Amino acid sequence: MANRYGLLPYYEKADLKDLVKEASDEFHKLKKFFDTISNEELYVKRPNVYLFGAQRRGKTWMLHAIMNKIIEMFAEKSLFYITAPHLMRLMLKDDRDEATGESLLNVVTQKKILFLDDLGQEYKPHSGFVENRFEEFLRWRFSHNKITFVSGNATIEHIEQIYGKSFGDFLGGEYITFEVTEDAIDLSKLFLDRKWNKSNDES
């Protein structure tokens, strides 16, 4: 992990104020929500969000920007970023925290706020096991008043095809869905920073 929050290093400076004026209305609505919400409102409203759209539209950046804002504004420490493939590995293996011996899946599950990126990108053996576990995971968090931000490429209709109608109905009914149709930021600097970080890591 890059740090205790799971942030990817080249997104550590992602900031909602960097949203470009030409970004979709959906992004601006989401930015306005987090520009005006208070700490109390965050946990009362519990804004579970599903961002979906084509690749390279800024979904991962947006997740990190929201996460950075929550860390900055509310000093919240019980939050974490993880990708769907990584979460799937935790579901299939009983990995433990070296210091405490606690299940890493349990650690992630219990976070007050979770950022789950790339839903649909995890390997699916079509056995129904992983698909059911993801639905159970998100439903458990929802019923226990946890906040989850999810991103993926699939529409709600496609989610139904991948995971089943129950999961699609849950995500479409209980989550605020935002379709990302345009770039949210100028990604050129981001990918330059990513390339620079990668070259430094390899040196």
N, C-alpha and C. Protein backbone atom coordinates (compact mmCIF):
# COMPACT_ATOMS: atom_id res chain seq x y z
N MET A 1 0.83 -1.18 0.00
CA MET A 1 0.00 0.00 0.00
C MET A 1 0.88 1.25 0.00
N ALA A 2 0.44 2.28 -0.68
CA ALA A 2 1.20 3.52 -0.73
C ALA A 2 1.25 4.17 0.65
N ASN A 3 0.18 4.11 1.42
CA ASN A 3 0.13 4.64 2.76
C ASN A 3 -1.06 4.00 3.48
N ARG A 4 -1.35 4.46 4.68
CA ARG A 4 -2.38 3.78 5.48
C ARG A 4 -3.78 3.93 4.90
N TYR A 5 -3.96 4.87 3.97
CA TYR A 5 -5.26 5.04 3.35
C TYR A 5 -5.38 4.29 2.02
N GLY A 6 -4.32 3.70 1.55
CA GLY A 6 -4.36 2.98 0.29
C GLY A 6 -4.30 3.88 -0.93
N LEU A 7 -4.10 5.19 -0.74
CA LEU A 7 -4.02 6.12 -1.86
C LEU A 7 -2.91 5.75 -2.82
N LEU A 8 -3.20 5.84 -4.13
CA LEU A 8 -2.13 5.67 -5.11
C LEU A 8 -1.26 6.92 -5.10
N PRO A 9 0.06 6.79 -5.12
CA PRO A 9 0.95 7.94 -4.90
C PRO A 9 0.75 9.07 -5.89
N TYR A 10 0.42 8.76 -7.16
CA TYR A 10 0.27 9.83 -8.13
C TYR A 10 -1.10 10.49 -8.06
N TYR A 11 -1.92 10.13 -7.10
CA TYR A 11 -3.20 10.80 -6.88
C TYR A 11 -3.24 11.51 -5.52
N GLU A 12 -2.12 11.55 -4.83
CA GLU A 12 -2.10 12.12 -3.49
C GLU A 12 -2.47 13.60 -3.49
N LYS A 13 -2.26 14.30 -4.61
CA LYS A 13 -2.58 15.72 -4.69
C LYS A 13 -3.88 15.99 -5.43
N ALA A 14 -4.64 14.95 -5.75
CA ALA A 14 -5.93 15.14 -6.43
C ALA A 14 -6.81 16.05 -5.59
N ASP A 15 -7.35 17.08 -6.21
CA ASP A 15 -8.10 18.10 -5.48
C ASP A 15 -9.34 18.49 -6.28
N LEU A 16 -10.47 18.59 -5.60
CA LEU A 16 -11.72 18.94 -6.28
C LEU A 16 -11.64 20.30 -6.96
N LYS A 17 -10.80 21.19 -6.46
CA LYS A 17 -10.73 22.51 -7.06
C LYS A 17 -10.08 22.47 -8.44
N ASP A 18 -9.45 21.36 -8.78
CA ASP A 18 -8.81 21.23 -10.09
C ASP A 18 -9.78 20.76 -11.17
N LEU A 19 -11.04 20.60 -10.83
CA LEU A 19 -12.04 20.20 -11.81
C LEU A 19 -12.12 21.25 -12.92
N VAL A 20 -12.06 20.82 -14.15
CA VAL A 20 -12.10 21.78 -15.26
C VAL A 20 -13.53 22.25 -15.50
N LYS A 21 -13.66 23.47 -16.00
CA LYS A 21 -14.98 24.05 -16.22
C LYS A 21 -15.78 23.24 -17.21
N GLU A 22 -15.10 22.59 -18.16
CA GLU A 22 -15.78 21.83 -19.22
C GLU A 22 -16.21 20.44 -18.77
N ALA A 23 -15.91 20.08 -17.52
CA ALA A 23 -16.28 18.75 -17.04
C ALA A 23 -17.79 18.60 -17.02
N SER A 24 -18.25 17.36 -16.98
CA SER A 24 -19.69 17.09 -17.04
C SER A 24 -20.42 17.72 -15.86
N ASP A 25 -21.70 17.98 -16.06
CA ASP A 25 -22.54 18.53 -14.99
C ASP A 25 -22.53 17.61 -13.78
N GLU A 26 -22.43 16.30 -14.03
CA GLU A 26 -22.45 15.34 -12.92
C GLU A 26 -21.26 15.56 -11.99
N PHE A 27 -20.09 15.79 -12.57
CA PHE A 27 -18.91 16.04 -11.74
C PHE A 27 -19.07 17.31 -10.94
N HIS A 28 -19.62 18.36 -11.57
CA HIS A 28 -19.80 19.62 -10.85
C HIS A 28 -20.82 19.49 -9.72
N LYS A 29 -21.86 18.68 -9.93
CA LYS A 29 -22.82 18.43 -8.85
C LYS A 29 -22.14 17.75 -7.68
N LEU A 30 -21.29 16.76 -7.99
CA LEU A 30 -20.59 16.02 -6.94
C LEU A 30 -19.62 16.95 -6.20
N LYS A 31 -18.91 17.78 -6.95
CA LYS A 31 -17.97 18.73 -6.33
C LYS A 31 -18.72 19.68 -5.41
N LYS A 32 -19.85 20.21 -5.87
CA LYS A 32 -20.62 21.16 -5.06
C LYS A 32 -21.08 20.51 -3.76
N PHE A 33 -21.49 19.24 -3.85
CA PHE A 33 -21.94 18.53 -2.66
C PHE A 33 -20.85 18.51 -1.61
N PHE A 34 -19.63 18.19 -2.01
CA PHE A 34 -18.54 18.07 -1.03
C PHE A 34 -17.93 19.41 -0.67
N ASP A 35 -18.20 20.43 -1.46
CA ASP A 35 -17.76 21.78 -1.09
C ASP A 35 -18.64 22.37 0.01
N THR A 36 -19.86 21.87 0.15
CA THR A 36 -20.81 22.50 1.06
C THR A 36 -21.22 21.62 2.24
N ILE A 37 -20.92 20.34 2.21
CA ILE A 37 -21.39 19.44 3.26
C ILE A 37 -20.57 19.61 4.53
N SER A 38 -21.23 19.44 5.67
CA SER A 38 -20.54 19.48 6.96
C SER A 38 -20.23 18.06 7.43
N ASN A 39 -19.42 17.98 8.48
CA ASN A 39 -19.05 16.68 9.02
C ASN A 39 -20.29 15.91 9.46
N GLU A 40 -21.20 16.60 10.17
CA GLU A 40 -22.40 15.93 10.65
C GLU A 40 -23.26 15.44 9.48
N GLU A 41 -23.40 16.30 8.46
CA GLU A 41 -24.23 15.95 7.31
C GLU A 41 -23.67 14.75 6.57
N LEU A 42 -22.35 14.64 6.53
CA LEU A 42 -21.72 13.53 5.82
C LEU A 42 -22.22 12.21 6.36
N TYR A 43 -22.29 12.08 7.67
CA TYR A 43 -22.69 10.81 8.27
C TYR A 43 -24.20 10.65 8.38
N VAL A 44 -24.93 11.77 8.34
CA VAL A 44 -26.39 11.69 8.33
C VAL A 44 -26.88 11.32 6.93
N LYS A 45 -26.34 12.00 5.92
CA LYS A 45 -26.78 11.76 4.54
C LYS A 45 -26.18 10.48 3.96
N ARG A 46 -25.05 10.08 4.47
CA ARG A 46 -24.37 8.86 3.99
C ARG A 46 -24.42 8.76 2.47
N PRO A 47 -23.69 9.62 1.78
CA PRO A 47 -23.77 9.67 0.31
C PRO A 47 -23.03 8.52 -0.37
N ASN A 48 -23.64 7.33 -0.42
CA ASN A 48 -23.07 6.23 -1.18
C ASN A 48 -23.19 6.57 -2.66
N VAL A 49 -22.08 6.49 -3.38
CA VAL A 49 -22.02 7.01 -4.75
C VAL A 49 -21.46 5.95 -5.68
N TYR A 50 -22.05 5.84 -6.87
CA TYR A 50 -21.49 5.00 -7.94
C TYR A 50 -21.17 5.88 -9.14
N LEU A 51 -19.88 6.00 -9.45
CA LEU A 51 -19.41 6.74 -10.63
C LEU A 51 -19.17 5.73 -11.74
N PHE A 52 -19.77 5.94 -12.91
CA PHE A 52 -19.53 5.00 -14.00
C PHE A 52 -19.33 5.76 -15.30
N GLY A 53 -18.58 5.12 -16.20
CA GLY A 53 -18.30 5.73 -17.48
C GLY A 53 -17.09 5.07 -18.12
N ALA A 54 -16.73 5.56 -19.29
CA ALA A 54 -15.61 4.99 -20.04
C ALA A 54 -14.29 5.21 -19.30
N GLN A 55 -13.28 4.49 -19.73
CA GLN A 55 -11.95 4.63 -19.13
C GLN A 55 -11.37 6.00 -19.43
N ARG A 56 -10.44 6.41 -18.54
CA ARG A 56 -9.69 7.66 -18.69
C ARG A 56 -10.61 8.89 -18.74
N ARG A 57 -11.64 8.87 -17.91
CA ARG A 57 -12.52 10.02 -17.79
C ARG A 57 -12.35 10.73 -16.45
N GLY A 58 -11.51 10.21 -15.58
CA GLY A 58 -11.24 10.88 -14.31
C GLY A 58 -11.95 10.29 -13.12
N LYS A 59 -12.48 9.07 -13.24
CA LYS A 59 -13.22 8.47 -12.13
C LYS A 59 -12.31 8.18 -10.93
N THR A 60 -11.15 7.58 -11.20
CA THR A 60 -10.22 7.28 -10.12
C THR A 60 -9.71 8.57 -9.49
N TRP A 61 -9.44 9.56 -10.33
CA TRP A 61 -9.00 10.86 -9.81
C TRP A 61 -10.07 11.44 -8.90
N MET A 62 -11.34 11.34 -9.30
CA MET A 62 -12.43 11.90 -8.51
C MET A 62 -12.52 11.19 -7.16
N LEU A 63 -12.39 9.87 -7.15
CA LEU A 63 -12.41 9.14 -5.88
C LEU A 63 -11.33 9.65 -4.94
N HIS A 64 -10.13 9.83 -5.48
CA HIS A 64 -9.02 10.32 -4.66
C HIS A 64 -9.24 11.75 -4.21
N ALA A 65 -9.79 12.59 -5.10
CA ALA A 65 -10.03 13.99 -4.74
C ALA A 65 -11.05 14.08 -3.59
N ILE A 66 -12.11 13.27 -3.66
CA ILE A 66 -13.10 13.24 -2.58
C ILE A 66 -12.45 12.74 -1.29
N MET A 67 -11.65 11.70 -1.42
CA MET A 67 -10.98 11.12 -0.26
C MET A 67 -10.05 12.15 0.40
N ASN A 68 -9.27 12.86 -0.43
CA ASN A 68 -8.37 13.87 0.10
C ASN A 68 -9.13 14.98 0.82
N LYS A 69 -10.28 15.35 0.26
CA LYS A 69 -11.08 16.41 0.88
C LYS A 69 -11.63 15.96 2.22
N ILE A 70 -12.11 14.73 2.30
CA ILE A 70 -12.64 14.21 3.57
C ILE A 70 -11.54 14.15 4.62
N ILE A 71 -10.36 13.70 4.22
CA ILE A 71 -9.23 13.65 5.15
C ILE A 71 -8.90 15.05 5.65
N GLU A 72 -8.88 16.02 4.72
CA GLU A 72 -8.52 17.39 5.06
C GLU A 72 -9.59 18.06 5.93
N MET A 73 -10.86 17.93 5.55
CA MET A 73 -11.93 18.67 6.23
C MET A 73 -12.31 18.05 7.56
N PHE A 74 -12.39 16.72 7.61
CA PHE A 74 -12.96 16.06 8.77
C PHE A 74 -11.93 15.31 9.61
N ALA A 75 -10.69 15.30 9.17
CA ALA A 75 -9.64 14.57 9.89
C ALA A 75 -10.06 13.12 10.12
N GLU A 76 -10.85 12.59 9.16
CA GLU A 76 -11.33 11.22 9.26
C GLU A 76 -10.20 10.24 8.93
N LYS A 77 -9.98 9.27 9.81
CA LYS A 77 -8.91 8.31 9.59
C LYS A 77 -9.43 6.92 9.22
N SER A 78 -10.71 6.67 9.47
CA SER A 78 -11.27 5.35 9.18
C SER A 78 -11.81 5.32 7.76
N LEU A 79 -10.91 5.45 6.80
CA LEU A 79 -11.29 5.38 5.40
C LEU A 79 -10.16 4.73 4.61
N PHE A 80 -10.51 4.23 3.41
CA PHE A 80 -9.53 3.44 2.67
C PHE A 80 -9.91 3.38 1.20
N TYR A 81 -8.88 3.34 0.35
CA TYR A 81 -9.05 3.16 -1.09
C TYR A 81 -8.56 1.77 -1.47
N ILE A 82 -9.36 1.05 -2.27
CA ILE A 82 -8.95 -0.28 -2.73
C ILE A 82 -9.58 -0.54 -4.10
N THR A 83 -8.90 -1.30 -4.93
CA THR A 83 -9.48 -1.68 -6.22
C THR A 83 -10.29 -2.96 -6.07
N ALA A 84 -11.24 -3.16 -6.98
CA ALA A 84 -12.06 -4.37 -6.93
C ALA A 84 -11.21 -5.65 -7.07
N PRO A 85 -10.21 -5.68 -7.97
CA PRO A 85 -9.38 -6.89 -8.03
C PRO A 85 -8.66 -7.18 -6.72
N HIS A 86 -8.18 -6.12 -6.04
CA HIS A 86 -7.50 -6.32 -4.76
C HIS A 86 -8.48 -6.82 -3.71
N LEU A 87 -9.68 -6.25 -3.69
CA LEU A 87 -10.70 -6.72 -2.75
C LEU A 87 -11.05 -8.18 -3.00
N MET A 88 -11.13 -8.55 -4.27
CA MET A 88 -11.43 -9.93 -4.60
C MET A 88 -10.36 -10.87 -4.04
N ARG A 89 -9.09 -10.46 -4.14
CA ARG A 89 -8.01 -11.30 -3.61
C ARG A 89 -8.16 -11.47 -2.10
N LEU A 90 -8.58 -10.40 -1.41
CA LEU A 90 -8.77 -10.51 0.04
C LEU A 90 -9.92 -11.45 0.37
N MET A 91 -10.93 -11.49 -0.52
CA MET A 91 -12.07 -12.37 -0.30
C MET A 91 -11.69 -13.84 -0.50
N LEU A 92 -10.73 -14.08 -1.39
CA LEU A 92 -10.35 -15.45 -1.72
C LEU A 92 -9.22 -15.97 -0.85
N LYS A 93 -8.47 -15.06 -0.20
CA LYS A 93 -7.34 -15.47 0.63
C LYS A 93 -7.50 -14.85 2.02
N ASP A 94 -7.09 -15.59 3.03
CA ASP A 94 -7.22 -15.10 4.40
C ASP A 94 -5.95 -14.35 4.81
N ASP A 95 -5.67 -13.24 4.12
CA ASP A 95 -4.48 -12.45 4.45
C ASP A 95 -4.68 -11.76 5.80
N ARG A 96 -3.61 -11.69 6.57
CA ARG A 96 -3.68 -11.12 7.90
C ARG A 96 -2.71 -9.95 8.05
N ASP A 97 -3.10 -8.99 8.88
CA ASP A 97 -2.21 -7.89 9.21
C ASP A 97 -1.04 -8.43 10.02
N GLU A 98 0.19 -8.12 9.58
CA GLU A 98 1.36 -8.68 10.24
C GLU A 98 1.48 -8.25 11.69
N ALA A 99 1.04 -7.02 11.97
CA ALA A 99 1.20 -6.50 13.33
C ALA A 99 0.13 -7.02 14.28
N THR A 100 -1.12 -7.09 13.82
CA THR A 100 -2.23 -7.43 14.72
C THR A 100 -2.78 -8.83 14.51
N GLY A 101 -2.51 -9.43 13.35
CA GLY A 101 -3.06 -10.73 13.04
C GLY A 101 -4.51 -10.69 12.58
N GLU A 102 -5.08 -9.48 12.47
CA GLU A 102 -6.48 -9.35 12.07
C GLU A 102 -6.62 -9.57 10.57
N SER A 103 -7.75 -10.13 10.17
CA SER A 103 -8.05 -10.34 8.76
C SER A 103 -8.06 -9.01 8.03
N LEU A 104 -7.31 -8.92 6.92
CA LEU A 104 -7.29 -7.67 6.15
C LEU A 104 -8.65 -7.38 5.52
N LEU A 105 -9.38 -8.44 5.15
CA LEU A 105 -10.72 -8.23 4.62
C LEU A 105 -11.61 -7.58 5.67
N ASN A 106 -11.49 -8.02 6.92
CA ASN A 106 -12.28 -7.44 7.99
C ASN A 106 -11.90 -5.98 8.23
N VAL A 107 -10.61 -5.69 8.14
CA VAL A 107 -10.15 -4.30 8.31
C VAL A 107 -10.79 -3.39 7.27
N VAL A 108 -10.76 -3.84 6.01
CA VAL A 108 -11.33 -3.04 4.92
C VAL A 108 -12.84 -2.92 5.09
N THR A 109 -13.49 -4.03 5.42
CA THR A 109 -14.95 -4.05 5.55
C THR A 109 -15.43 -3.06 6.61
N GLN A 110 -14.70 -2.92 7.69
CA GLN A 110 -15.13 -2.12 8.83
C GLN A 110 -14.84 -0.63 8.69
N LYS A 111 -14.12 -0.21 7.65
CA LYS A 111 -13.83 1.21 7.49
C LYS A 111 -15.12 2.01 7.39
N LYS A 112 -15.16 3.17 8.05
CA LYS A 112 -16.35 4.02 7.97
C LYS A 112 -16.63 4.45 6.54
N ILE A 113 -15.56 4.78 5.81
CA ILE A 113 -15.71 5.24 4.43
C ILE A 113 -14.75 4.43 3.56
N LEU A 114 -15.28 3.84 2.49
CA LEU A 114 -14.47 3.03 1.60
C LEU A 114 -14.61 3.52 0.17
N PHE A 115 -13.49 3.55 -0.53
CA PHE A 115 -13.46 3.92 -1.94
C PHE A 115 -13.08 2.68 -2.73
N LEU A 116 -14.05 2.13 -3.46
CA LEU A 116 -13.86 0.89 -4.22
C LEU A 116 -13.79 1.22 -5.70
N ASP A 117 -12.63 1.04 -6.29
CA ASP A 117 -12.39 1.45 -7.67
C ASP A 117 -12.43 0.25 -8.62
N ASP A 118 -12.86 0.50 -9.84
CA ASP A 118 -12.80 -0.49 -10.93
C ASP A 118 -13.70 -1.69 -10.69
N LEU A 119 -14.91 -1.46 -10.19
CA LEU A 119 -15.87 -2.55 -10.08
C LEU A 119 -16.11 -3.16 -11.46
N GLY A 120 -16.07 -4.47 -11.54
CA GLY A 120 -16.22 -5.15 -12.82
C GLY A 120 -14.91 -5.60 -13.42
N GLN A 121 -13.78 -5.09 -12.88
CA GLN A 121 -12.47 -5.46 -13.42
C GLN A 121 -11.88 -6.67 -12.71
N GLU A 122 -12.50 -7.10 -11.62
CA GLU A 122 -12.00 -8.27 -10.92
C GLU A 122 -12.24 -9.52 -11.77
N TYR A 123 -11.40 -10.52 -11.60
CA TYR A 123 -11.56 -11.76 -12.35
C TYR A 123 -12.82 -12.47 -11.88
N LYS A 124 -13.66 -12.86 -12.79
CA LYS A 124 -14.92 -13.53 -12.45
C LYS A 124 -14.94 -14.93 -13.05
N PRO A 125 -14.89 -15.97 -12.25
CA PRO A 125 -14.89 -17.34 -12.76
C PRO A 125 -16.28 -17.82 -13.17
N HIS A 126 -17.28 -16.92 -13.11
CA HIS A 126 -18.66 -17.25 -13.50
C HIS A 126 -19.26 -18.38 -12.65
N SER A 127 -18.70 -18.53 -11.46
CA SER A 127 -19.28 -19.52 -10.53
C SER A 127 -20.38 -18.88 -9.69
N GLY A 128 -20.43 -17.56 -9.70
CA GLY A 128 -21.37 -16.84 -8.87
C GLY A 128 -20.80 -16.47 -7.51
N PHE A 129 -19.66 -17.09 -7.12
CA PHE A 129 -19.10 -16.86 -5.79
C PHE A 129 -18.67 -15.42 -5.61
N VAL A 130 -17.80 -14.94 -6.51
CA VAL A 130 -17.29 -13.58 -6.38
C VAL A 130 -18.41 -12.56 -6.54
N GLU A 131 -19.27 -12.80 -7.53
CA GLU A 131 -20.38 -11.88 -7.77
C GLU A 131 -21.25 -11.75 -6.53
N ASN A 132 -21.57 -12.87 -5.89
CA ASN A 132 -22.40 -12.83 -4.69
C ASN A 132 -21.67 -12.17 -3.52
N ARG A 133 -20.37 -12.42 -3.41
CA ARG A 133 -19.61 -11.84 -2.30
C ARG A 133 -19.55 -10.32 -2.42
N PHE A 134 -19.41 -9.80 -3.63
CA PHE A 134 -19.37 -8.35 -3.80
C PHE A 134 -20.71 -7.72 -3.40
N GLU A 135 -21.81 -8.35 -3.80
CA GLU A 135 -23.11 -7.82 -3.42
C GLU A 135 -23.29 -7.89 -1.91
N GLU A 136 -22.93 -9.01 -1.30
CA GLU A 136 -23.04 -9.15 0.15
C GLU A 136 -22.18 -8.11 0.87
N PHE A 137 -21.00 -7.89 0.35
CA PHE A 137 -20.06 -6.94 0.94
C PHE A 137 -20.66 -5.53 0.97
N LEU A 138 -21.17 -5.07 -0.20
CA LEU A 138 -21.72 -3.72 -0.27
C LEU A 138 -23.03 -3.60 0.49
N ARG A 139 -23.85 -4.63 0.47
CA ARG A 139 -25.10 -4.59 1.24
C ARG A 139 -24.81 -4.55 2.75
N TRP A 140 -23.82 -5.30 3.20
CA TRP A 140 -23.46 -5.28 4.62
C TRP A 140 -23.03 -3.89 5.03
N ARG A 141 -22.18 -3.27 4.22
CA ARG A 141 -21.71 -1.93 4.55
C ARG A 141 -22.89 -0.95 4.60
N PHE A 142 -23.79 -1.05 3.64
CA PHE A 142 -24.93 -0.15 3.59
C PHE A 142 -25.82 -0.33 4.84
N SER A 143 -26.10 -1.56 5.21
CA SER A 143 -26.99 -1.82 6.35
C SER A 143 -26.34 -1.47 7.68
N HIS A 144 -25.00 -1.35 7.69
CA HIS A 144 -24.29 -0.98 8.92
C HIS A 144 -23.83 0.48 8.89
N ASN A 145 -24.50 1.27 8.08
CA ASN A 145 -24.29 2.73 8.04
C ASN A 145 -22.87 3.14 7.66
N LYS A 146 -22.22 2.33 6.83
CA LYS A 146 -20.93 2.69 6.28
C LYS A 146 -21.15 3.45 4.96
N ILE A 147 -20.19 4.27 4.60
CA ILE A 147 -20.26 5.04 3.34
C ILE A 147 -19.31 4.40 2.34
N THR A 148 -19.80 4.17 1.12
CA THR A 148 -18.97 3.55 0.09
C THR A 148 -19.09 4.33 -1.20
N PHE A 149 -17.94 4.68 -1.77
CA PHE A 149 -17.87 5.29 -3.08
C PHE A 149 -17.32 4.24 -4.04
N VAL A 150 -18.03 4.00 -5.12
CA VAL A 150 -17.67 2.94 -6.06
C VAL A 150 -17.50 3.56 -7.44
N SER A 151 -16.52 3.08 -8.20
CA SER A 151 -16.39 3.47 -9.60
C SER A 151 -16.31 2.23 -10.47
N GLY A 152 -16.75 2.36 -11.71
CA GLY A 152 -16.68 1.26 -12.66
C GLY A 152 -17.06 1.73 -14.05
N ASN A 153 -16.84 0.87 -15.02
CA ASN A 153 -17.18 1.21 -16.40
C ASN A 153 -18.63 0.89 -16.73
N ALA A 154 -19.25 -0.01 -15.97
CA ALA A 154 -20.54 -0.57 -16.35
C ALA A 154 -21.71 0.31 -15.95
N THR A 155 -22.70 0.39 -16.83
CA THR A 155 -23.98 1.00 -16.49
C THR A 155 -24.70 0.07 -15.50
N ILE A 156 -25.79 0.57 -14.91
CA ILE A 156 -26.57 -0.27 -14.01
C ILE A 156 -27.10 -1.49 -14.75
N GLU A 157 -27.50 -1.29 -16.01
CA GLU A 157 -28.01 -2.42 -16.81
C GLU A 157 -26.92 -3.47 -17.01
N HIS A 158 -25.69 -3.01 -17.24
CA HIS A 158 -24.58 -3.94 -17.42
C HIS A 158 -24.24 -4.63 -16.10
N ILE A 159 -24.36 -3.88 -14.99
CA ILE A 159 -24.14 -4.48 -13.67
C ILE A 159 -25.09 -5.66 -13.47
N GLU A 160 -26.34 -5.49 -13.91
CA GLU A 160 -27.31 -6.57 -13.79
C GLU A 160 -26.87 -7.80 -14.58
N GLN A 161 -26.25 -7.57 -15.74
CA GLN A 161 -25.78 -8.68 -16.56
C GLN A 161 -24.59 -9.39 -15.91
N ILE A 162 -23.72 -8.61 -15.27
CA ILE A 162 -22.52 -9.18 -14.67
C ILE A 162 -22.82 -9.86 -13.34
N TYR A 163 -23.53 -9.13 -12.47
CA TYR A 163 -23.73 -9.58 -11.10
C TYR A 163 -25.14 -10.08 -10.80
N GLY A 164 -26.08 -9.81 -11.70
CA GLY A 164 -27.46 -10.21 -11.46
C GLY A 164 -28.35 -9.02 -11.15
N LYS A 165 -29.65 -9.23 -11.32
CA LYS A 165 -30.62 -8.15 -11.16
C LYS A 165 -30.67 -7.61 -9.73
N SER A 166 -30.48 -8.48 -8.75
CA SER A 166 -30.53 -8.06 -7.36
C SER A 166 -29.48 -7.00 -7.07
N PHE A 167 -28.26 -7.25 -7.54
CA PHE A 167 -27.16 -6.31 -7.31
C PHE A 167 -27.42 -5.01 -8.07
N GLY A 168 -27.89 -5.12 -9.32
CA GLY A 168 -28.19 -3.93 -10.11
C GLY A 168 -29.27 -3.08 -9.47
N ASP A 169 -30.32 -3.72 -8.96
CA ASP A 169 -31.40 -2.99 -8.28
C ASP A 169 -30.89 -2.30 -7.03
N PHE A 170 -30.02 -2.99 -6.29
CA PHE A 170 -29.47 -2.41 -5.07
C PHE A 170 -28.61 -1.19 -5.38
N LEU A 171 -27.69 -1.34 -6.34
CA LEU A 171 -26.78 -0.24 -6.67
C LEU A 171 -27.55 0.94 -7.26
N GLY A 172 -28.50 0.65 -8.15
CA GLY A 172 -29.26 1.71 -8.77
C GLY A 172 -30.26 2.37 -7.84
N GLY A 173 -30.72 1.62 -6.83
CA GLY A 173 -31.73 2.14 -5.93
C GLY A 173 -31.19 2.84 -4.71
N GLU A 174 -30.07 2.35 -4.16
CA GLU A 174 -29.55 2.88 -2.90
C GLU A 174 -28.35 3.81 -3.08
N TYR A 175 -27.76 3.82 -4.26
CA TYR A 175 -26.59 4.66 -4.50
C TYR A 175 -26.97 5.86 -5.37
N ILE A 176 -26.26 6.97 -5.14
CA ILE A 176 -26.37 8.12 -6.04
C ILE A 176 -25.49 7.80 -7.24
N THR A 177 -26.05 7.69 -8.42
CA THR A 177 -25.28 7.31 -9.60
C THR A 177 -24.93 8.55 -10.43
N PHE A 178 -23.68 8.63 -10.84
CA PHE A 178 -23.20 9.71 -11.67
C PHE A 178 -22.53 9.11 -12.92
N GLU A 179 -23.04 9.45 -14.08
CA GLU A 179 -22.40 8.99 -15.31
C GLU A 179 -21.35 10.01 -15.72
N VAL A 180 -20.14 9.54 -15.91
CA VAL A 180 -19.02 10.40 -16.28
C VAL A 180 -18.86 10.34 -17.79
N THR A 181 -19.21 11.41 -18.46
CA THR A 181 -19.19 11.41 -19.92
C THR A 181 -18.06 12.25 -20.51
N GLU A 182 -17.39 13.04 -19.66
CA GLU A 182 -16.31 13.89 -20.15
C GLU A 182 -15.16 13.84 -19.17
N ASP A 183 -13.97 14.27 -19.63
CA ASP A 183 -12.83 14.34 -18.74
C ASP A 183 -13.11 15.36 -17.64
N ALA A 184 -12.76 14.99 -16.41
CA ALA A 184 -12.98 15.89 -15.28
C ALA A 184 -11.84 16.88 -15.10
N ILE A 185 -10.64 16.46 -15.49
CA ILE A 185 -9.47 17.31 -15.30
C ILE A 185 -8.58 17.17 -16.53
N ASP A 186 -7.57 18.03 -16.59
CA ASP A 186 -6.54 17.90 -17.61
C ASP A 186 -5.62 16.76 -17.16
N LEU A 187 -5.77 15.60 -17.78
CA LEU A 187 -5.05 14.42 -17.32
C LEU A 187 -3.58 14.40 -17.75
N SER A 188 -3.17 15.33 -18.59
CA SER A 188 -1.81 15.27 -19.13
C SER A 188 -0.78 15.36 -18.01
N LYS A 189 -0.97 16.28 -17.07
CA LYS A 189 -0.02 16.42 -15.97
C LYS A 189 -0.05 15.19 -15.07
N LEU A 190 -1.26 14.65 -14.85
CA LEU A 190 -1.38 13.47 -14.01
C LEU A 190 -0.56 12.31 -14.56
N PHE A 191 -0.65 12.07 -15.88
CA PHE A 191 0.06 10.93 -16.45
C PHE A 191 1.56 11.19 -16.52
N LEU A 192 1.95 12.47 -16.64
CA LEU A 192 3.37 12.80 -16.56
C LEU A 192 3.88 12.51 -15.16
N ASP A 193 3.10 12.92 -14.14
CA ASP A 193 3.48 12.64 -12.76
C ASP A 193 3.56 11.14 -12.51
N ARG A 194 2.62 10.40 -13.10
CA ARG A 194 2.60 8.94 -12.91
C ARG A 194 3.84 8.32 -13.54
N LYS A 195 4.19 8.78 -14.74
CA LYS A 195 5.37 8.26 -15.42
C LYS A 195 6.62 8.57 -14.62
N TRP A 196 6.68 9.80 -14.06
CA TRP A 196 7.83 10.20 -13.26
C TRP A 196 7.95 9.34 -12.01
N ASN A 197 6.83 9.13 -11.32
CA ASN A 197 6.84 8.30 -10.13
C ASN A 197 7.26 6.88 -10.42
N LYS A 198 6.77 6.36 -11.55
CA LYS A 198 7.08 4.99 -11.93
C LYS A 198 8.57 4.85 -12.22
N SER A 199 9.14 5.82 -12.95
CA SER A 199 10.55 5.75 -13.29
C SER A 199 11.41 5.85 -12.04
N ASN A 200 10.98 6.67 -11.07
CA ASN A 200 11.72 6.79 -9.83
C ASN A 200 11.63 5.50 -9.02
N ASP A 201 10.47 4.86 -9.04
CA ASP A 201 10.29 3.61 -8.28
C ASP A 201 11.19 2.52 -8.85
N GLU A 202 11.40 2.56 -10.17
CA GLU A 202 12.18 1.50 -10.80
C GLU A 202 13.68 1.75 -10.70
N SER A 203 14.04 3.00 -10.37
CA SER A 203 15.48 3.31 -10.33
C SER A 203 16.09 2.91 -8.98
